[in-house]
Protein backbone atom coordinates (compact mmCIF):
# COMPACT_ATOMS: atom_id res chain seq x y z
CA MET A 1 0.06 0.12 -0.24
CA ALA A 2 1.37 3.63 -1.21
CA VAL A 3 1.57 6.23 1.40
CA ASP A 4 0.83 9.95 0.25
CA THR A 5 3.78 11.59 1.66
CA SER A 6 3.47 14.79 -0.33
CA PHE A 7 2.21 17.01 2.61
CA PHE A 8 5.92 16.75 3.88
CA THR A 9 7.60 18.16 1.07
CA SER A 10 3.89 21.16 1.01
CA PRO A 11 4.33 24.33 1.30
CA LEU A 12 2.31 24.58 4.10
CA SER A 13 4.57 21.83 6.01
CA GLU A 14 7.23 24.47 5.37
CA GLU A 15 5.54 26.97 6.84
CA ILE A 16 4.33 25.09 10.05
CA ARG A 17 8.16 23.87 10.36
CA ASP A 18 9.10 27.46 10.28
CA GLU A 19 6.89 28.72 12.54
CA GLY A 20 7.85 26.23 15.04
CA ARG A 21 11.69 26.86 14.57
CA THR A 22 10.90 30.50 15.35
CA GLU A 23 8.81 29.95 18.19
CA GLY A 24 11.91 27.77 19.67
CA ARG A 25 14.66 30.33 19.33
CA THR A 26 12.57 33.27 20.82
CA GLU A 27 11.85 30.54 23.67
CA GLY A 28 15.06 29.72 23.91
CA ARG A 29 16.24 33.53 23.81
CA ALA A 30 13.57 34.41 26.57
CA SER A 31 15.22 32.03 28.51
CA ASP A 32 18.51 33.15 28.27
CA VAL A 33 17.58 36.61 28.70
CA LEU A 34 16.35 35.53 31.92
CA ARG A 35 19.29 33.30 32.92
CA LEU A 36 21.65 36.33 32.35
CA LEU A 37 19.63 38.34 34.32
CA ASP A 38 19.60 36.07 37.29
CA ARG A 39 23.30 34.79 36.63
CA ARG A 40 24.33 38.77 37.29
CA GLY A 41 22.20 39.34 40.10
CA ILE A 42 20.00 41.88 38.66
CA PRO A 43 16.63 41.61 39.95
CA LEU A 44 13.30 41.12 38.13
CA SER A 45 9.51 42.14 38.78
CA GLU A 46 7.29 39.26 38.12
CA ALA A 47 5.95 42.07 35.07
CA ASP A 48 9.52 42.21 33.81
CA ARG A 49 9.30 38.19 33.99
CA GLU A 50 6.12 38.04 32.19
CA ARG A 51 7.23 40.57 29.97
CA VAL A 52 10.01 38.73 28.65
CA THR A 53 8.61 35.10 28.43
CA SER A 54 5.71 36.62 26.60
CA CYS A 55 7.79 38.58 23.72
CA LYS A 56 7.16 36.59 20.48
CA ASP A 57 9.66 39.29 18.49
CA LEU A 58 13.15 37.84 18.05
CA ASP A 59 15.20 41.30 17.53
CA THR A 60 13.50 42.57 20.78
CA LEU A 61 14.80 39.67 22.84
CA THR A 62 18.35 39.58 20.97
CA ARG A 63 18.50 43.85 22.31
CA TRP A 64 17.36 42.82 25.77
CA PHE A 65 19.97 40.15 25.77
CA ASP A 66 22.81 42.19 24.66
CA ARG A 67 21.51 44.95 27.18
CA ALA A 68 21.71 42.25 29.99
CA ILE A 69 25.08 41.75 29.50
CA THR A 70 26.07 45.16 30.86
CA ALA A 71 22.62 46.73 32.85
CA SER A 72 22.89 47.21 35.67
CA SER A 73 19.10 47.26 36.41
CA ALA A 74 16.48 45.83 34.59
CA ALA A 75 15.53 49.28 33.54
CA GLU A 76 18.15 49.39 31.63
CA VAL A 77 17.43 46.41 30.02
CA PHE A 78 13.87 47.22 28.90
CA LEU A 79 14.91 50.83 28.02
CA ASP A 80 13.07 51.73 24.58
CA GLY A 81 9.73 49.92 25.07
CA GLY A 82 9.19 47.31 22.53
CA PRO A 83 6.37 44.35 21.92
CA SER A 84 3.76 44.85 24.80
CA GLY A 85 5.85 47.47 26.48
CA GLY A 86 8.85 45.92 26.23
């Protein structure tokens, strides 16, 4: 019996895979931001943590990660706003 596997090479399946990859990257970057701030001893409010974990914009998360390397406060990390106020 032949099995139709055309879905797995279709544009729709590529789109689904790409969305999954992007979601994985944003979740990973959010985790990196939180870990870096934690390891540096920078306190975060629950609202700040939610801001990071709910952000779906990889560019914003990367900007926050870069700032978290040298920031002395959470306010410095979130300086210019961004998605969801962050």
